[in-house]
């Protein structure tokens, strides 16, 4: 397996955390949240700034989660208490975060190449590559990433089966019904947006440390990438249960990155990546619907044919 494919798998795992965060708002809460573009860069900015200042990378990543969660909570408060449209609330927070991220970093780009990051520790672990028949399937770094992402996935599965997690899921499914049981849907919405953007910020922190720098524009288009991962994962791997769908979302992120890597290897320009992302989402959304329509038509024809024979 070549380096580009192995790199795509590693990136897919890192962006899988972003996809889990987007899944929380897009599918669980049923809220279109554009805060993601800002909170992803916020996570990278917080992690980079604190690491450069001498903070332990683990603590810096935890701080990214907390600050990202605060950004999501602010969007939730704007939406629920300020009665601002959810889409507009996310846009307002995203715009504000651009300036905030610049304030945090002090400049548009913070290099981390000479700093100890999480991935300095990962490489120090010297985890062996996973090979089958002499072919490397997963690098040691990817194995560590996989373990970390699976831990977050399992924690999220557990949370969504707790009382507050069930309230959050019900808020997205039927807010009027859950309010009739005395649940404050404003609170569950704020909590959901906070957790979502906290996960997105962790993804941004990990990506910044992985690539060796944080950039003020690194969050541009992240909502589309997250949605693509969620939709592709659900289409390819199903969504019959929480355990399955969260796993599908992470796998969808890997598939998305592999498609991008293969497209680049096929000779497409990096400037075409936004077009490829849009096409992936369009195909994932339309093909199942078209296939379902064709299947229904064939089923109706077979029924009519059977009745006419009788």
Protein backbone atom coordinates (compact mmCIF):
# COMPACT_ATOMS: atom_id res chain seq x y z
CA UNK A 1 0.00 0.00 0.00
CA UNK A 2 1.54 3.33 -1.05
CA UNK A 3 2.21 6.29 1.20
CA UNK A 4 -0.67 8.37 -0.20
CA UNK A 5 -3.24 5.70 0.71
CA UNK A 6 -1.79 5.15 4.18
CA UNK A 7 -1.76 8.91 4.73
CA UNK A 8 -5.40 9.08 3.61
CA UNK A 9 -6.35 6.44 6.20
CA UNK A 10 -4.57 8.38 8.96
CA UNK A 11 -6.31 11.62 7.93
CA UNK A 12 -9.65 9.84 7.65
CA UNK A 13 -9.35 8.71 11.27
CA UNK A 14 -8.50 12.24 12.46
CA UNK A 15 -11.41 13.75 10.53
CA UNK A 16 -13.61 10.93 11.83
CA UNK A 17 -13.82 12.86 15.10
CA UNK A 18 -15.08 15.86 13.12
CA UNK A 19 -17.66 13.60 11.47
CA UNK A 20 -18.87 12.36 14.87
CA UNK A 21 -19.37 15.97 15.96
CA UNK A 22 -21.27 16.85 12.79
CA UNK A 23 -23.41 13.72 13.20
CA UNK A 24 -24.55 14.96 16.62
CA UNK A 25 -26.05 18.14 15.21
CA UNK A 26 -26.98 17.00 11.70
CA UNK A 27 -28.69 13.71 12.59
CA UNK A 28 -29.31 13.68 16.36
CA UNK A 29 -30.40 17.29 16.94
CA UNK A 30 -31.52 17.90 13.35
CA UNK A 31 -29.87 21.34 13.48
CA UNK A 32 -27.79 22.79 10.60
CA UNK A 33 -24.76 24.10 12.50
CA UNK A 34 -22.19 26.15 10.61
CA UNK A 35 -20.19 26.86 13.77
CA UNK A 36 -18.10 23.84 12.71
CA UNK A 37 -15.92 25.83 10.29
CA UNK A 38 -14.93 28.18 13.10
CA UNK A 39 -14.64 25.68 15.96
CA UNK A 40 -12.36 23.37 13.93
CA UNK A 41 -9.86 26.19 13.45
CA UNK A 42 -10.43 27.24 17.07
CA UNK A 43 -9.32 23.81 18.27
CA UNK A 44 -6.18 24.02 16.16
CA UNK A 45 -5.44 27.55 17.36
CA UNK A 46 -5.90 26.71 21.06
CA UNK A 47 -3.77 23.57 20.85
CA UNK A 48 -0.98 25.26 18.87
CA UNK A 49 -0.85 28.34 21.08
CA UNK A 50 -0.74 26.41 24.35
CA UNK A 51 1.77 23.86 23.07
CA UNK A 52 4.11 26.66 21.92
CA UNK A 53 3.71 28.24 25.38
CA UNK A 54 4.90 24.99 26.97
CA UNK A 55 1.62 23.30 27.89
CA UNK A 56 1.44 19.51 27.78
CA UNK A 57 -0.14 18.46 24.43
CA UNK A 58 -2.76 16.32 26.20
CA UNK A 59 -3.86 19.28 28.30
CA UNK A 60 -3.78 21.56 25.25
CA UNK A 61 -6.11 19.16 23.41
CA UNK A 62 -8.44 19.01 26.41
CA UNK A 63 -8.52 22.82 26.48
CA UNK A 64 -9.42 22.78 22.77
CA UNK A 65 -12.42 20.57 23.63
CA UNK A 66 -13.55 22.93 26.41
CA UNK A 67 -13.19 26.12 24.34
CA UNK A 68 -14.79 24.48 21.28
CA UNK A 69 -17.67 23.39 23.50
CA UNK A 70 -18.05 26.97 24.72
CA UNK A 71 -18.32 28.16 21.10
CA UNK A 72 -21.03 25.57 20.43
CA UNK A 73 -22.86 26.54 23.62
CA UNK A 74 -22.81 30.17 22.50
CA UNK A 75 -24.45 29.17 19.22
CA UNK A 76 -27.02 27.19 21.20
CA UNK A 77 -27.80 30.15 23.48
CA UNK A 78 -28.19 32.45 20.47
CA UNK A 79 -30.61 29.98 18.92
CA UNK A 80 -32.64 28.96 21.97
CA UNK A 81 -32.59 32.04 24.21
CA UNK A 82 -32.03 34.74 21.59
CA UNK A 83 -34.52 33.11 19.19
CA UNK A 84 -32.04 33.46 16.33
CA UNK A 85 -32.47 31.04 13.43
CA UNK A 86 -30.11 28.05 13.95
CA UNK A 87 -28.40 28.52 10.59
CA UNK A 88 -27.85 32.24 11.19
CA UNK A 89 -26.65 31.64 14.77
CA UNK A 90 -23.99 29.26 13.46
CA UNK A 91 -22.91 31.72 10.79
CA UNK A 92 -22.61 34.55 13.32
CA UNK A 93 -20.47 32.44 15.66
CA UNK A 94 -18.33 31.21 12.78
CA UNK A 95 -17.64 34.78 11.63
CA UNK A 96 -16.79 35.88 15.17
CA UNK A 97 -14.45 32.90 15.63
CA UNK A 98 -12.32 33.95 12.65
CA UNK A 99 -11.27 37.12 14.48
CA UNK A 100 -11.02 35.28 17.80
CA UNK A 101 -8.72 32.67 16.26
CA UNK A 102 -6.48 35.40 14.88
CA UNK A 103 -6.36 36.98 18.34
CA UNK A 104 -5.42 33.66 19.93
CA UNK A 105 -2.64 32.87 17.45
CA UNK A 106 -1.39 36.42 17.02
CA UNK A 107 -0.86 35.74 13.32
CA UNK A 108 -2.43 33.70 10.53
CA UNK A 109 -0.20 30.64 10.95
CA UNK A 110 1.54 28.96 13.92
CA UNK A 111 4.20 26.31 13.11
CA UNK A 112 4.59 23.31 15.44
CA UNK A 113 7.44 21.51 13.69
CA UNK A 114 9.91 22.04 16.56
CA UNK A 115 7.40 21.42 19.34
CA UNK A 116 6.49 18.24 21.20
CA UNK A 117 2.97 17.29 20.16
CA UNK A 118 0.70 14.28 20.66
CA UNK A 119 2.27 12.74 17.59
CA UNK A 120 5.75 13.09 18.99
CA UNK A 121 4.54 10.78 21.75
CA UNK A 122 2.78 8.52 19.23
CA UNK A 123 5.98 8.05 17.24
CA UNK A 124 7.92 7.42 20.46
CA UNK A 125 5.60 4.46 21.16
CA UNK A 126 7.12 2.71 18.10
CA UNK A 127 3.93 0.73 17.43
CA UNK A 128 4.68 -1.78 14.62
CA UNK A 129 2.83 -1.60 11.32
CA UNK A 130 0.01 -4.06 10.68
CA UNK A 131 0.93 -6.11 7.60
CA UNK A 132 -0.86 -8.96 5.83
CA UNK A 133 1.12 -11.03 3.37
CA UNK A 134 3.96 -8.55 3.44
CA UNK A 135 1.63 -5.66 2.53
CA UNK A 136 1.24 -2.89 5.11
CA UNK A 137 -2.45 -2.40 5.92
CA UNK A 138 -2.12 0.08 8.78
CA UNK A 139 0.87 2.08 9.94
CA UNK A 140 1.73 2.15 13.64
CA UNK A 141 0.55 5.76 13.75
CA UNK A 142 -2.78 4.81 12.18
CA UNK A 143 -3.24 2.03 14.76
CA UNK A 144 -2.83 4.54 17.60
CA UNK A 145 -5.24 6.93 15.83
CA UNK A 146 -7.72 4.07 15.42
CA UNK A 147 -7.62 3.24 19.13
CA UNK A 148 -8.12 6.90 20.08
CA UNK A 149 -11.03 7.40 17.69
CA UNK A 150 -12.71 4.15 18.78
CA UNK A 151 -12.47 5.22 22.43
CA UNK A 152 -14.21 8.53 21.60
CA UNK A 153 -16.80 6.65 19.52
CA UNK A 154 -17.59 4.25 22.38
CA UNK A 155 -17.84 7.10 24.89
CA UNK A 156 -20.27 8.85 22.54
CA UNK A 157 -22.30 5.62 22.17
CA UNK A 158 -22.49 5.33 25.96
CA UNK A 159 -23.49 8.99 26.35
CA UNK A 160 -26.31 8.70 23.81
CA UNK A 161 -27.80 5.87 25.91
CA UNK A 162 -27.75 7.86 29.16
CA UNK A 163 -30.80 9.84 30.32
CA UNK A 164 -29.48 13.14 28.97
CA UNK A 165 -28.40 11.42 25.76
CA UNK A 166 -31.87 9.99 25.26
CA UNK A 167 -33.35 13.43 25.95
CA UNK A 168 -31.01 14.88 23.33
CA UNK A 169 -32.07 12.27 20.76
CA UNK A 170 -35.74 12.88 21.54
CA UNK A 171 -35.22 16.63 21.14
CA UNK A 172 -34.15 16.07 17.57
CA UNK A 173 -36.90 13.55 16.82
CA UNK A 174 -39.91 15.21 18.43
CA UNK A 175 -39.28 18.33 20.55
CA UNK A 176 -42.98 18.88 21.35
CA UNK A 177 -43.37 15.37 22.70
CA UNK A 178 -40.25 15.50 24.90
CA UNK A 179 -41.28 18.93 26.25
CA UNK A 180 -44.56 17.38 27.36
CA UNK A 181 -42.50 15.10 29.63
CA UNK A 182 -40.95 18.13 31.33
CA UNK A 183 -37.61 18.11 29.49
CA UNK A 184 -36.09 21.52 28.76
CA UNK A 185 -35.29 21.27 25.06
CA UNK A 186 -33.33 24.54 25.17
CA UNK A 187 -30.88 22.91 27.57
CA UNK A 188 -30.54 19.71 25.52
CA UNK A 189 -29.97 21.74 22.35
CA UNK A 190 -27.23 23.80 24.02
CA UNK A 191 -25.59 20.64 25.43
CA UNK A 192 -25.74 18.93 22.04
CA UNK A 193 -24.18 21.87 20.21
CA UNK A 194 -21.50 22.19 22.90
CA UNK A 195 -20.54 18.50 22.67
CA UNK A 196 -20.59 18.60 18.87
CA UNK A 197 -18.28 21.58 18.60
CA UNK A 198 -16.08 20.23 21.39
CA UNK A 199 -15.47 17.10 19.28
CA UNK A 200 -14.89 19.24 16.19
CA UNK A 201 -12.33 21.32 18.10
CA UNK A 202 -10.54 18.14 19.24
CA UNK A 203 -10.36 17.08 15.60
CA UNK A 204 -8.91 20.49 14.73
CA UNK A 205 -6.35 20.16 17.55
CA UNK A 206 -5.29 16.70 16.38
CA UNK A 207 -5.07 17.76 12.73
CA UNK A 208 -2.98 20.84 13.61
CA UNK A 209 -0.53 18.67 15.56
CA UNK A 210 -0.50 16.03 12.82
CA UNK A 211 0.26 18.47 9.99
CA UNK A 212 2.68 20.53 12.09
CA UNK A 213 0.90 23.90 12.05
CA UNK A 214 -2.36 25.68 12.83
CA UNK A 215 -3.80 28.07 10.27
CA UNK A 216 -6.63 30.56 10.62
CA UNK A 217 -8.21 29.24 7.42
CA UNK A 218 -7.93 25.53 8.22
CA UNK A 219 -11.63 25.30 9.09
CA UNK A 220 -12.95 26.46 5.72
CA UNK A 221 -15.23 23.81 4.23
CA UNK A 222 -15.13 21.50 7.27
CA UNK A 223 -18.92 21.35 7.53
CA UNK A 224 -19.11 19.98 3.98
CA UNK A 225 -16.40 17.40 4.71
CA UNK A 226 -18.22 16.37 7.89
CA UNK A 227 -21.56 16.05 6.09
CA UNK A 228 -19.93 14.08 3.27
CA UNK A 229 -18.46 11.64 5.81
CA UNK A 230 -21.81 11.22 7.59
CA UNK A 231 -23.82 10.71 4.41
CA UNK A 232 -21.29 8.39 2.72
CA UNK A 233 -20.96 6.34 5.90
CA UNK A 234 -24.72 5.94 6.34
CA UNK A 235 -25.21 4.96 2.70
CA UNK A 236 -22.38 2.43 2.60
CA UNK A 237 -22.52 0.95 6.10
CA UNK A 238 -26.06 1.57 7.36
CA UNK A 239 -27.59 3.35 10.34
CA UNK A 240 -29.77 0.78 12.08
CA UNK A 241 -28.38 1.47 15.57
CA UNK A 242 -26.30 4.07 17.40
CA UNK A 243 -23.31 1.72 17.58
CA UNK A 244 -23.50 1.00 13.87
CA UNK A 245 -24.10 4.56 12.68
CA UNK A 246 -21.25 6.09 14.71
CA UNK A 247 -18.93 3.42 13.32
CA UNK A 248 -20.31 4.11 9.83
CA UNK A 249 -19.59 7.83 10.23
CA UNK A 250 -15.92 7.16 11.06
CA UNK A 251 -15.62 4.69 8.18
CA UNK A 252 -17.32 7.24 5.92
CA UNK A 253 -14.58 9.73 6.80
CA UNK A 254 -11.92 7.18 5.80
CA UNK A 255 -13.72 6.37 2.54
CA UNK A 256 -13.99 10.07 1.74
CA UNK A 257 -10.25 10.60 2.28
CA UNK A 258 -9.43 7.53 0.18
CA UNK A 259 -11.56 8.86 -2.70
CA UNK A 260 -9.74 12.20 -2.49
CA UNK A 261 -6.34 10.45 -2.46
CA UNK A 262 -7.27 8.29 -5.46
CA UNK A 263 -8.56 11.33 -7.34
CA UNK A 264 -5.26 13.13 -6.78
CA UNK A 265 -3.32 10.05 -7.88
CA UNK A 266 -5.46 9.92 -11.02
CA UNK A 267 -4.08 13.35 -11.97
CA UNK A 268 -6.76 15.76 -10.77
CA UNK A 269 -5.58 19.12 -9.44
CA UNK A 270 -5.82 19.90 -5.71
CA UNK A 271 -7.98 22.87 -6.72
CA UNK A 272 -10.63 20.36 -7.88
CA UNK A 273 -11.11 18.92 -4.38
CA UNK A 274 -14.13 21.10 -3.55
CA UNK A 275 -15.81 19.93 -6.75
CA UNK A 276 -15.04 16.30 -5.90
CA UNK A 277 -16.46 16.78 -2.39
CA UNK A 278 -19.68 18.24 -3.82
CA UNK A 279 -19.97 15.35 -6.30
CA UNK A 280 -19.43 12.76 -3.54
CA UNK A 281 -22.25 14.29 -1.46
CA UNK A 282 -24.57 14.57 -4.49
CA UNK A 283 -23.96 10.94 -5.46
CA UNK A 284 -24.41 9.70 -1.89
CA UNK A 285 -27.70 11.61 -1.57
CA UNK A 286 -29.25 10.86 -4.97
CA UNK A 287 -28.15 7.32 -5.90
CA UNK A 288 -29.95 5.56 -2.99
CA UNK A 289 -33.14 7.54 -3.72
CA UNK A 290 -32.99 6.72 -7.43
CA UNK A 291 -32.21 3.05 -6.74
CA UNK A 292 -35.11 2.84 -4.28
CA UNK A 293 -37.48 4.34 -6.86
CA UNK A 294 -36.37 1.84 -9.51
CA UNK A 295 -36.77 -1.05 -7.04
CA UNK A 296 -40.32 0.09 -6.18
CA UNK A 297 -41.27 0.31 -9.87
CA UNK A 298 -39.93 -3.19 -10.49
CA UNK A 299 -41.82 -4.50 -7.45
CA UNK A 300 -45.07 -2.95 -8.70
CA UNK A 301 -44.55 -4.42 -12.17
CA UNK A 302 -43.87 -7.88 -10.76
CA UNK A 303 -47.06 -7.66 -8.65
CA UNK A 304 -49.11 -6.57 -11.68
CA UNK A 305 -47.56 -9.30 -13.79
CA UNK A 306 -48.39 -11.92 -11.16
CA UNK A 307 -52.01 -10.76 -10.87
CA UNK A 308 -52.50 -10.73 -14.65
CA UNK A 309 -51.17 -14.29 -14.91
CA UNK A 310 -53.67 -15.36 -12.28
